[in-house]
Amino acid sequence: MKKINNILIRSLSDSDREDLLYLMDQVKLYQASKAVMQAVHAFRRNTQVIRKQAERIRDLECQNQILRRNSEQIVKSVGKIKDVLSKGGDKDDA
């Protein structure tokens, strides 16, 4: 990656200036470049957290599918056991 020593942003619109003032106020840094860098660091942390959460969600969804399949098998097995027990109970009564 190319080394960046400094940046310069030219021709800011009124909206851009308003956004920079808002950012500076929120991060309590009143030098635009420092406020922008603070926002960049926060953005990077947030994207890393979101990526980890997305991975965790995928893992949990896979586990959920496995648990659903297992629970369906358990329900079927319990039904079969009940049938066998009810048939076995009928034979003892006869």
PDB file of N, CA and C in Angstrom:
ATOM      1  N   MET A   1       0.845  -1.170   0.000  1.00  0.00           N
ATOM      2  CA  MET A   1       0.000   0.000   0.000  1.00  0.00           C
ATOM      3  C   MET A   1       0.896   1.240   0.000  1.00  0.00           C
ATOM      4  N   LYS A   2       0.477   2.236  -0.735  1.00  0.00           N
ATOM      5  CA  LYS A   2       1.242   3.468  -0.849  1.00  0.00           C
ATOM      6  C   LYS A   2       1.220   4.247   0.463  1.00  0.00           C
ATOM      7  N   LYS A   3       2.377   4.776   0.868  1.00  0.00           N
ATOM      8  CA  LYS A   3       2.475   5.552   2.097  1.00  0.00           C
ATOM      9  C   LYS A   3       1.861   6.934   1.865  1.00  0.00           C
ATOM     10  N   ILE A   4       0.999   7.348   2.785  1.00  0.00           N
ATOM     11  CA  ILE A   4       0.347   8.653   2.691  1.00  0.00           C
ATOM     12  C   ILE A   4       0.867   9.514   3.830  1.00  0.00           C
ATOM     13  N   ASN A   5       1.429  10.658   3.492  1.00  0.00           N
ATOM     14  CA  ASN A   5       1.957  11.553   4.522  1.00  0.00           C
ATOM     15  C   ASN A   5       0.963  12.626   4.930  1.00  0.00           C
ATOM     16  N   ASN A   6       0.156  13.094   3.996  1.00  0.00           N
ATOM     17  CA  ASN A   6      -0.826  14.116   4.321  1.00  0.00           C
ATOM     18  C   ASN A   6      -1.930  14.105   3.268  1.00  0.00           C
ATOM     19  N   ILE A   7      -3.018  14.783   3.577  1.00  0.00           N
ATOM     20  CA  ILE A   7      -4.120  14.885   2.629  1.00  0.00           C
ATOM     21  C   ILE A   7      -4.586  16.339   2.567  1.00  0.00           C
ATOM     22  N   LEU A   8      -5.155  16.693   1.444  1.00  0.00           N
ATOM     23  CA  LEU A   8      -5.718  18.020   1.259  1.00  0.00           C
ATOM     24  C   LEU A   8      -7.017  17.839   0.488  1.00  0.00           C
ATOM     25  N   ILE A   9      -8.065  18.417   1.000  1.00  0.00           N
ATOM     26  CA  ILE A   9      -9.357  18.310   0.323  1.00  0.00           C
ATOM     27  C   ILE A   9      -9.731  19.705  -0.159  1.00  0.00           C
ATOM     28  N   ARG A  10      -9.898  19.840  -1.442  1.00  0.00           N
ATOM     29  CA  ARG A  10     -10.220  21.131  -2.033  1.00  0.00           C
ATOM     30  C   ARG A  10     -11.706  21.201  -2.391  1.00  0.00           C
ATOM     31  N   SER A  11     -12.182  22.408  -2.528  1.00  0.00           N
ATOM     32  CA  SER A  11     -13.537  22.679  -3.013  1.00  0.00           C
ATOM     33  C   SER A  11     -14.614  21.977  -2.188  1.00  0.00           C
ATOM     34  N   LEU A  12     -14.587  22.186  -0.900  1.00  0.00           N
ATOM     35  CA  LEU A  12     -15.629  21.615  -0.050  1.00  0.00           C
ATOM     36  C   LEU A  12     -16.945  22.344  -0.303  1.00  0.00           C
ATOM     37  N   SER A  13     -18.007  21.562  -0.370  1.00  0.00           N
ATOM     38  CA  SER A  13     -19.336  22.165  -0.514  1.00  0.00           C
ATOM     39  C   SER A  13     -19.812  22.642   0.856  1.00  0.00           C
ATOM     40  N   ASP A  14     -20.894  23.388   0.846  1.00  0.00           N
ATOM     41  CA  ASP A  14     -21.469  23.833   2.122  1.00  0.00           C
ATOM     42  C   ASP A  14     -21.862  22.643   2.977  1.00  0.00           C
ATOM     43  N   SER A  15     -22.399  21.616   2.327  1.00  0.00           N
ATOM     44  CA  SER A  15     -22.787  20.401   3.045  1.00  0.00           C
ATOM     45  C   SER A  15     -21.563  19.706   3.644  1.00  0.00           C
ATOM     46  N   ASP A  16     -20.465  19.670   2.886  1.00  0.00           N
ATOM     47  CA  ASP A  16     -19.225  19.071   3.399  1.00  0.00           C
ATOM     48  C   ASP A  16     -18.736  19.817   4.632  1.00  0.00           C
ATOM     49  N   ARG A  17     -18.756  21.148   4.569  1.00  0.00           N
ATOM     50  CA  ARG A  17     -18.313  21.952   5.708  1.00  0.00           C
ATOM     51  C   ARG A  17     -19.221  21.725   6.917  1.00  0.00           C
ATOM     52  N   GLU A  18     -20.494  21.640   6.662  1.00  0.00           N
ATOM     53  CA  GLU A  18     -21.447  21.383   7.745  1.00  0.00           C
ATOM     54  C   GLU A  18     -21.177  20.021   8.382  1.00  0.00           C
ATOM     55  N   ASP A  19     -20.925  19.021   7.537  1.00  0.00           N
ATOM     56  CA  ASP A  19     -20.616  17.678   8.050  1.00  0.00           C
ATOM     57  C   ASP A  19     -19.327  17.673   8.864  1.00  0.00           C
ATOM     58  N   LEU A  20     -18.314  18.395   8.399  1.00  0.00           N
ATOM     59  CA  LEU A  20     -17.056  18.479   9.147  1.00  0.00           C
ATOM     60  C   LEU A  20     -17.256  19.164  10.492  1.00  0.00           C
ATOM     61  N   LEU A  21     -18.038  20.219  10.522  1.00  0.00           N
ATOM     62  CA  LEU A  21     -18.313  20.892  11.788  1.00  0.00           C
ATOM     63  C   LEU A  21     -19.056  19.975  12.751  1.00  0.00           C
ATOM     64  N   TYR A  22     -20.003  19.219  12.218  1.00  0.00           N
ATOM     65  CA  TYR A  22     -20.733  18.254  13.047  1.00  0.00           C
ATOM     66  C   TYR A  22     -19.772  17.211  13.609  1.00  0.00           C
ATOM     67  N   LEU A  23     -18.912  16.678  12.754  1.00  0.00           N
ATOM     68  CA  LEU A  23     -17.939  15.668  13.172  1.00  0.00           C
ATOM     69  C   LEU A  23     -17.008  16.226  14.240  1.00  0.00           C
ATOM     70  N   MET A  24     -16.497  17.417  14.019  1.00  0.00           N
ATOM     71  CA  MET A  24     -15.587  18.029  14.977  1.00  0.00           C
ATOM     72  C   MET A  24     -16.262  18.212  16.333  1.00  0.00           C
ATOM     73  N   ASP A  25     -17.515  18.591  16.305  1.00  0.00           N
ATOM     74  CA  ASP A  25     -18.259  18.763  17.548  1.00  0.00           C
ATOM     75  C   ASP A  25     -18.481  17.423  18.251  1.00  0.00           C
ATOM     76  N   GLN A  26     -18.788  16.387  17.492  1.00  0.00           N
ATOM     77  CA  GLN A  26     -19.062  15.074  18.078  1.00  0.00           C
ATOM     78  C   GLN A  26     -17.827  14.433  18.700  1.00  0.00           C
ATOM     79  N   VAL A  27     -16.690  14.545  18.030  1.00  0.00           N
ATOM     80  CA  VAL A  27     -15.472  13.908  18.551  1.00  0.00           C
ATOM     81  C   VAL A  27     -14.679  14.846  19.460  1.00  0.00           C
ATOM     82  N   LYS A  28     -15.160  16.070  19.608  1.00  0.00           N
ATOM     83  CA  LYS A  28     -14.537  17.075  20.483  1.00  0.00           C
ATOM     84  C   LYS A  28     -13.093  17.363  20.089  1.00  0.00           C
ATOM     85  N   LEU A  29     -12.837  17.322  18.800  1.00  0.00           N
ATOM     86  CA  LEU A  29     -11.543  17.726  18.250  1.00  0.00           C
ATOM     87  C   LEU A  29     -11.831  18.857  17.268  1.00  0.00           C
ATOM     88  N   TYR A  30     -11.163  19.968  17.433  1.00  0.00           N
ATOM     89  CA  TYR A  30     -11.532  21.130  16.639  1.00  0.00           C
ATOM     90  C   TYR A  30     -10.503  21.459  15.566  1.00  0.00           C
ATOM     91  N   GLN A  31      -9.790  20.427  15.158  1.00  0.00           N
ATOM     92  CA  GLN A  31      -8.946  20.504  13.975  1.00  0.00           C
ATOM     93  C   GLN A  31      -9.519  19.463  13.015  1.00  0.00           C
ATOM     94  N   ALA A  32      -9.922  19.908  11.843  1.00  0.00           N
ATOM     95  CA  ALA A  32     -10.674  19.039  10.920  1.00  0.00           C
ATOM     96  C   ALA A  32      -9.923  17.751  10.606  1.00  0.00           C
ATOM     97  N   SER A  33      -8.626  17.834  10.354  1.00  0.00           N
ATOM     98  CA  SER A  33      -7.877  16.633   9.981  1.00  0.00           C
ATOM     99  C   SER A  33      -7.855  15.620  11.122  1.00  0.00           C
ATOM    100  N   LYS A  34      -7.699  16.092  12.357  1.00  0.00           N
ATOM    101  CA  LYS A  34      -7.695  15.167  13.500  1.00  0.00           C
ATOM    102  C   LYS A  34      -9.078  14.554  13.704  1.00  0.00           C
ATOM    103  N   ALA A  35     -10.116  15.361  13.510  1.00  0.00           N
ATOM    104  CA  ALA A  35     -11.477  14.843  13.657  1.00  0.00           C
ATOM    105  C   ALA A  35     -11.763  13.777  12.597  1.00  0.00           C
ATOM    106  N   VAL A  36     -11.305  14.046  11.366  1.00  0.00           N
ATOM    107  CA  VAL A  36     -11.506  13.056  10.292  1.00  0.00           C
ATOM    108  C   VAL A  36     -10.767  11.771  10.616  1.00  0.00           C
ATOM    109  N   MET A  37      -9.537  11.869  11.118  1.00  0.00           N
ATOM    110  CA  MET A  37      -8.777  10.661  11.453  1.00  0.00           C
ATOM    111  C   MET A  37      -9.434   9.902  12.603  1.00  0.00           C
ATOM    112  N   GLN A  38      -9.974  10.621  13.570  1.00  0.00           N
ATOM    113  CA  GLN A  38     -10.694   9.971  14.671  1.00  0.00           C
ATOM    114  C   GLN A  38     -11.888   9.196  14.118  1.00  0.00           C
ATOM    115  N   ALA A  39     -12.609   9.804  13.176  1.00  0.00           N
ATOM    116  CA  ALA A  39     -13.768   9.142  12.557  1.00  0.00           C
ATOM    117  C   ALA A  39     -13.327   7.919  11.755  1.00  0.00           C
ATOM    118  N   VAL A  40     -12.203   8.021  11.081  1.00  0.00           N
ATOM    119  CA  VAL A  40     -11.682   6.888  10.303  1.00  0.00           C
ATOM    120  C   VAL A  40     -11.343   5.723  11.227  1.00  0.00           C
ATOM    121  N   HIS A  41     -10.699   6.019  12.346  1.00  0.00           N
ATOM    122  CA  HIS A  41     -10.356   4.951  13.303  1.00  0.00           C
ATOM    123  C   HIS A  41     -11.623   4.288  13.855  1.00  0.00           C
ATOM    124  N   ALA A  42     -12.613   5.103  14.176  1.00  0.00           N
ATOM    125  CA  ALA A  42     -13.875   4.552  14.686  1.00  0.00           C
ATOM    126  C   ALA A  42     -14.555   3.706  13.615  1.00  0.00           C
ATOM    127  N   PHE A  43     -14.530   4.176  12.376  1.00  0.00           N
ATOM    128  CA  PHE A  43     -15.130   3.427  11.273  1.00  0.00           C
ATOM    129  C   PHE A  43     -14.439   2.075  11.114  1.00  0.00           C
ATOM    130  N   ARG A  44     -13.134   2.077  11.188  1.00  0.00           N
ATOM    131  CA  ARG A  44     -12.377   0.818  11.054  1.00  0.00           C
ATOM    132  C   ARG A  44     -12.737  -0.154  12.173  1.00  0.00           C
ATOM    133  N   ARG A  45     -12.786   0.337  13.412  1.00  0.00           N
ATOM    134  CA  ARG A  45     -13.162  -0.537  14.539  1.00  0.00           C
ATOM    135  C   ARG A  45     -14.565  -1.101  14.338  1.00  0.00           C
ATOM    136  N   ASN A  46     -15.477  -0.240  13.922  1.00  0.00           N
ATOM    137  CA  ASN A  46     -16.863  -0.687  13.727  1.00  0.00           C
ATOM    138  C   ASN A  46     -16.977  -1.724  12.617  1.00  0.00           C
ATOM    139  N   THR A  47     -16.262  -1.531  11.524  1.00  0.00           N
ATOM    140  CA  THR A  47     -16.339  -2.521  10.441  1.00  0.00           C
ATOM    141  C   THR A  47     -15.751  -3.859  10.875  1.00  0.00           C
ATOM    142  N   GLN A  48     -14.716  -3.831  11.707  1.00  0.00           N
ATOM    143  CA  GLN A  48     -14.152  -5.091  12.218  1.00  0.00           C
ATOM    144  C   GLN A  48     -15.142  -5.794  13.134  1.00  0.00           C
ATOM    145  N   VAL A  49     -15.816  -5.035  13.985  1.00  0.00           N
ATOM    146  CA  VAL A  49     -16.820  -5.615  14.877  1.00  0.00           C
ATOM    147  C   VAL A  49     -17.970  -6.194  14.059  1.00  0.00           C
ATOM    148  N   ILE A  50     -18.430  -5.461  13.057  1.00  0.00           N
ATOM    149  CA  ILE A  50     -19.532  -5.934  12.212  1.00  0.00           C
ATOM    150  C   ILE A  50     -19.140  -7.211  11.486  1.00  0.00           C
ATOM    151  N   ARG A  51     -17.919  -7.276  10.989  1.00  0.00           N
ATOM    152  CA  ARG A  51     -17.451  -8.479  10.288  1.00  0.00           C
ATOM    153  C   ARG A  51     -17.449  -9.685  11.232  1.00  0.00           C
ATOM    154  N   LYS A  52     -16.958  -9.485  12.459  1.00  0.00           N
ATOM    155  CA  LYS A  52     -16.937 -10.585  13.434  1.00  0.00           C
ATOM    156  C   LYS A  52     -18.360 -11.009  13.805  1.00  0.00           C
ATOM    157  N   GLN A  53     -19.250 -10.042  13.950  1.00  0.00           N
ATOM    158  CA  GLN A  53     -20.637 -10.368  14.277  1.00  0.00           C
ATOM    159  C   GLN A  53     -21.304 -11.132  13.133  1.00  0.00           C
ATOM    160  N   ALA A  54     -21.006 -10.757  11.901  1.00  0.00           N
ATOM    161  CA  ALA A  54     -21.580 -11.466  10.754  1.00  0.00           C
ATOM    162  C   ALA A  54     -21.103 -12.909  10.726  1.00  0.00           C
ATOM    163  N   GLU A  55     -19.824 -13.125  11.011  1.00  0.00           N
ATOM    164  CA  GLU A  55     -19.292 -14.491  11.075  1.00  0.00           C
ATOM    165  C   GLU A  55     -19.982 -15.285  12.182  1.00  0.00           C
ATOM    166  N   ARG A  56     -20.161 -14.656  13.323  1.00  0.00           N
ATOM    167  CA  ARG A  56     -20.820 -15.330  14.459  1.00  0.00           C
ATOM    168  C   ARG A  56     -22.265 -15.668  14.121  1.00  0.00           C
ATOM    169  N   ILE A  57     -22.950 -14.761  13.446  1.00  0.00           N
ATOM    170  CA  ILE A  57     -24.343 -15.007  13.041  1.00  0.00           C
ATOM    171  C   ILE A  57     -24.404 -16.200  12.092  1.00  0.00           C
ATOM    172  N   ARG A  58     -23.484 -16.263  11.128  1.00  0.00           N
ATOM    173  CA  ARG A  58     -23.457 -17.413  10.205  1.00  0.00           C
ATOM    174  C   ARG A  58     -23.239 -18.714  10.965  1.00  0.00           C
ATOM    175  N   ASP A  59     -22.307 -18.700  11.928  1.00  0.00           N
ATOM    176  CA  ASP A  59     -22.058 -19.900  12.739  1.00  0.00           C
ATOM    177  C   ASP A  59     -23.304 -20.299  13.525  1.00  0.00           C
ATOM    178  N   LEU A  60     -23.967 -19.318  14.128  1.00  0.00           N
ATOM    179  CA  LEU A  60     -25.166 -19.612  14.908  1.00  0.00           C
ATOM    180  C   LEU A  60     -26.300 -20.130  14.030  1.00  0.00           C
ATOM    181  N   GLU A  61     -26.426 -19.591  12.815  1.00  0.00           N
ATOM    182  CA  GLU A  61     -27.463 -20.085  11.903  1.00  0.00           C
ATOM    183  C   GLU A  61     -27.202 -21.534  11.514  1.00  0.00           C
ATOM    184  N   CYS A  62     -25.939 -21.888  11.297  1.00  0.00           N
ATOM    185  CA  CYS A  62     -25.598 -23.282  10.988  1.00  0.00           C
ATOM    186  C   CYS A  62     -25.918 -24.190  12.175  1.00  0.00           C
ATOM    187  N   GLN A  63     -25.559 -23.749  13.366  1.00  0.00           N
ATOM    188  CA  GLN A  63     -25.865 -24.530  14.564  1.00  0.00           C
ATOM    189  C   GLN A  63     -27.367 -24.673  14.745  1.00  0.00           C
ATOM    190  N   ASN A  64     -28.096 -23.616  14.450  1.00  0.00           N
ATOM    191  CA  ASN A  64     -29.551 -23.636  14.573  1.00  0.00           C
ATOM    192  C   ASN A  64     -30.163 -24.667  13.624  1.00  0.00           C
ATOM    193  N   GLN A  65     -29.657 -24.731  12.388  1.00  0.00           N
ATOM    194  CA  GLN A  65     -30.158 -25.729  11.435  1.00  0.00           C
ATOM    195  C   GLN A  65     -29.918 -27.141  11.949  1.00  0.00           C
ATOM    196  N   ILE A  66     -28.731 -27.373  12.491  1.00  0.00           N
ATOM    197  CA  ILE A  66     -28.410 -28.703  13.019  1.00  0.00           C
ATOM    198  C   ILE A  66     -29.339 -29.045  14.183  1.00  0.00           C
ATOM    199  N   LEU A  67     -29.544 -28.085  15.078  1.00  0.00           N
ATOM    200  CA  LEU A  67     -30.418 -28.328  16.231  1.00  0.00           C
ATOM    201  C   LEU A  67     -31.863 -28.572  15.804  1.00  0.00           C
ATOM    202  N   ARG A  68     -32.329 -27.859  14.783  1.00  0.00           N
ATOM    203  CA  ARG A  68     -33.696 -28.078  14.286  1.00  0.00           C
ATOM    204  C   ARG A  68     -33.846 -29.488  13.712  1.00  0.00           C
ATOM    205  N   ARG A  69     -32.851 -29.903  12.917  1.00  0.00           N
ATOM    206  CA  ARG A  69     -32.899 -31.259  12.351  1.00  0.00           C
ATOM    207  C   ARG A  69     -32.890 -32.303  13.466  1.00  0.00           C
ATOM    208  N   ASN A  70     -32.047 -32.098  14.466  1.00  0.00           N
ATOM    209  CA  ASN A  70     -31.971 -33.045  15.578  1.00  0.00           C
ATOM    210  C   ASN A  70     -33.283 -33.082  16.357  1.00  0.00           C
ATOM    211  N   SER A  71     -33.889 -31.914  16.564  1.00  0.00           N
ATOM    212  CA  SER A  71     -35.151 -31.896  17.309  1.00  0.00           C
ATOM    213  C   SER A  71     -36.258 -32.594  16.520  1.00  0.00           C
ATOM    214  N   GLU A  72     -36.254 -32.449  15.196  1.00  0.00           N
ATOM    215  CA  GLU A  72     -37.244 -33.158  14.374  1.00  0.00           C
ATOM    216  C   GLU A  72     -37.063 -34.669  14.509  1.00  0.00           C
ATOM    217  N   GLN A  73     -35.814 -35.119  14.510  1.00  0.00           N
ATOM    218  CA  GLN A  73     -35.542 -36.543  14.678  1.00  0.00           C
ATOM    219  C   GLN A  73     -35.985 -37.026  16.052  1.00  0.00           C
ATOM    220  N   ILE A  74     -35.770 -36.204  17.058  1.00  0.00           N
ATOM    221  CA  ILE A  74     -36.189 -36.576  18.416  1.00  0.00           C
ATOM    222  C   ILE A  74     -37.702 -36.702  18.476  1.00  0.00           C
ATOM    223  N   VAL A  75     -38.421 -35.759  17.889  1.00  0.00           N
ATOM    224  CA  VAL A  75     -39.884 -35.805  17.901  1.00  0.00           C
ATOM    225  C   VAL A  75     -40.380 -37.067  17.184  1.00  0.00           C
ATOM    226  N   LYS A  76     -39.776 -37.385  16.038  1.00  0.00           N
ATOM    227  CA  LYS A  76     -40.162 -38.602  15.308  1.00  0.00           C
ATOM    228  C   LYS A  76     -39.884 -39.847  16.146  1.00  0.00           C
ATOM    229  N   SER A  77     -38.719 -39.861  16.795  1.00  0.00           N
ATOM    230  CA  SER A  77     -38.354 -41.029  17.607  1.00  0.00           C
ATOM    231  C   SER A  77     -39.282 -41.193  18.800  1.00  0.00           C
ATOM    232  N   VAL A  78     -39.643 -40.094  19.436  1.00  0.00           N
ATOM    233  CA  VAL A  78     -40.567 -40.161  20.574  1.00  0.00           C
ATOM    234  C   VAL A  78     -41.911 -40.692  20.104  1.00  0.00           C
ATOM    235  N   GLY A  79     -42.365 -40.249  18.933  1.00  0.00           N
ATOM    236  CA  GLY A  79     -43.627 -40.755  18.389  1.00  0.00           C
ATOM    237  C   GLY A  79     -43.561 -42.253  18.139  1.00  0.00           C
ATOM    238  N   LYS A  80     -42.457 -42.730  17.592  1.00  0.00           N
ATOM    239  CA  LYS A  80     -42.295 -44.162  17.343  1.00  0.00           C
ATOM    240  C   LYS A  80     -42.252 -44.946  18.657  1.00  0.00           C
ATOM    241  N   ILE A  81     -41.565 -44.401  19.637  1.00  0.00           N
ATOM    242  CA  ILE A  81     -41.490 -45.072  20.942  1.00  0.00           C
ATOM    243  C   ILE A  81     -42.878 -45.151  21.570  1.00  0.00           C
ATOM    244  N   LYS A  82     -43.642 -44.070  21.468  1.00  0.00           N
ATOM    245  CA  LYS A  82     -45.007 -44.084  22.011  1.00  0.00           C
ATOM    246  C   LYS A  82     -45.856 -45.137  21.309  1.00  0.00           C
ATOM    247  N   ASP A  83     -45.708 -45.261  19.980  1.00  0.00           N
ATOM    248  CA  ASP A  83     -46.451 -46.284  19.235  1.00  0.00           C
ATOM    249  C   ASP A  83     -46.076 -47.675  19.709  1.00  0.00           C
ATOM    250  N   VAL A  84     -44.790 -47.917  19.874  1.00  0.00           N
ATOM    251  CA  VAL A  84     -44.326 -49.235  20.308  1.00  0.00           C
ATOM    252  C   VAL A  84     -44.837 -49.522  21.710  1.00  0.00           C
ATOM    253  N   LEU A  85     -44.756 -48.549  22.586  1.00  0.00           N
ATOM    254  CA  LEU A  85     -45.219 -48.767  23.962  1.00  0.00           C
ATOM    255  C   LEU A  85     -46.726 -48.971  24.026  1.00  0.00           C
ATOM    256  N   SER A  86     -47.462 -48.213  23.211  1.00  0.00           N
ATOM    257  CA  SER A  86     -48.927 -48.375  23.238  1.00  0.00           C
ATOM    258  C   SER A  86     -49.323 -49.730  22.655  1.00  0.00           C
ATOM    259  N   LYS A  87     -48.622 -50.195  21.628  1.00  0.00           N
ATOM    260  CA  LYS A  87     -48.905 -51.525  21.066  1.00  0.00           C
ATOM    261  C   LYS A  87     -48.504 -52.611  22.040  1.00  0.00           C
ATOM    262  N   GLY A  88     -47.383 -52.405  22.720  1.00  0.00           N
ATOM    263  CA  GLY A  88     -46.914 -53.389  23.702  1.00  0.00           C
ATOM    264  C   GLY A  88     -47.859 -53.461  24.887  1.00  0.00           C
ATOM    265  N   GLY A  89     -48.436 -52.329  25.287  1.00  0.00           N
ATOM    266  CA  GLY A  89     -49.384 -52.296  26.393  1.00  0.00           C
ATOM    267  C   GLY A  89     -50.666 -53.003  26.024  1.00  0.00           C
ATOM    268  N   ASP A  90     -51.084 -52.930  24.744  1.00  0.00           N
ATOM    269  CA  ASP A  90     -52.296 -53.592  24.287  1.00  0.00           C
ATOM    270  C   ASP A  90     -52.131 -55.115  24.349  1.00  0.00           C
ATOM    271  N   LYS A  91     -50.935 -55.607  24.041  1.00  0.00           N
ATOM    272  CA  LYS A  91     -50.684 -57.036  24.049  1.00  0.00           C
ATOM    273  C   LYS A  91     -50.742 -57.579  25.491  1.00  0.00           C
ATOM    274  N   ASP A  92     -50.231 -56.797  26.428  1.00  0.00           N
ATOM    275  CA  ASP A  92     -50.241 -57.248  27.821  1.00  0.00           C
ATOM    276  C   ASP A  92     -51.670 -57.318  28.363  1.00  0.00           C
ATOM    277  N   ASP A  93     -52.546 -56.425  27.905  1.00  0.00           N
ATOM    278  CA  ASP A  93     -53.910 -56.393  28.365  1.00  0.00           C
ATOM    279  C   ASP A  93     -54.738 -57.551  27.786  1.00  0.00           C
ATOM    280  N   ALA A  94     -54.355 -58.041  26.640  1.00  0.00           N
ATOM    281  CA  ALA A  94     -55.171 -59.053  25.959  1.00  0.00           C
ATOM    282  C   ALA A  94     -55.061 -60.393  26.528  1.00  0.00           C
TER     283      ALA A  94
END
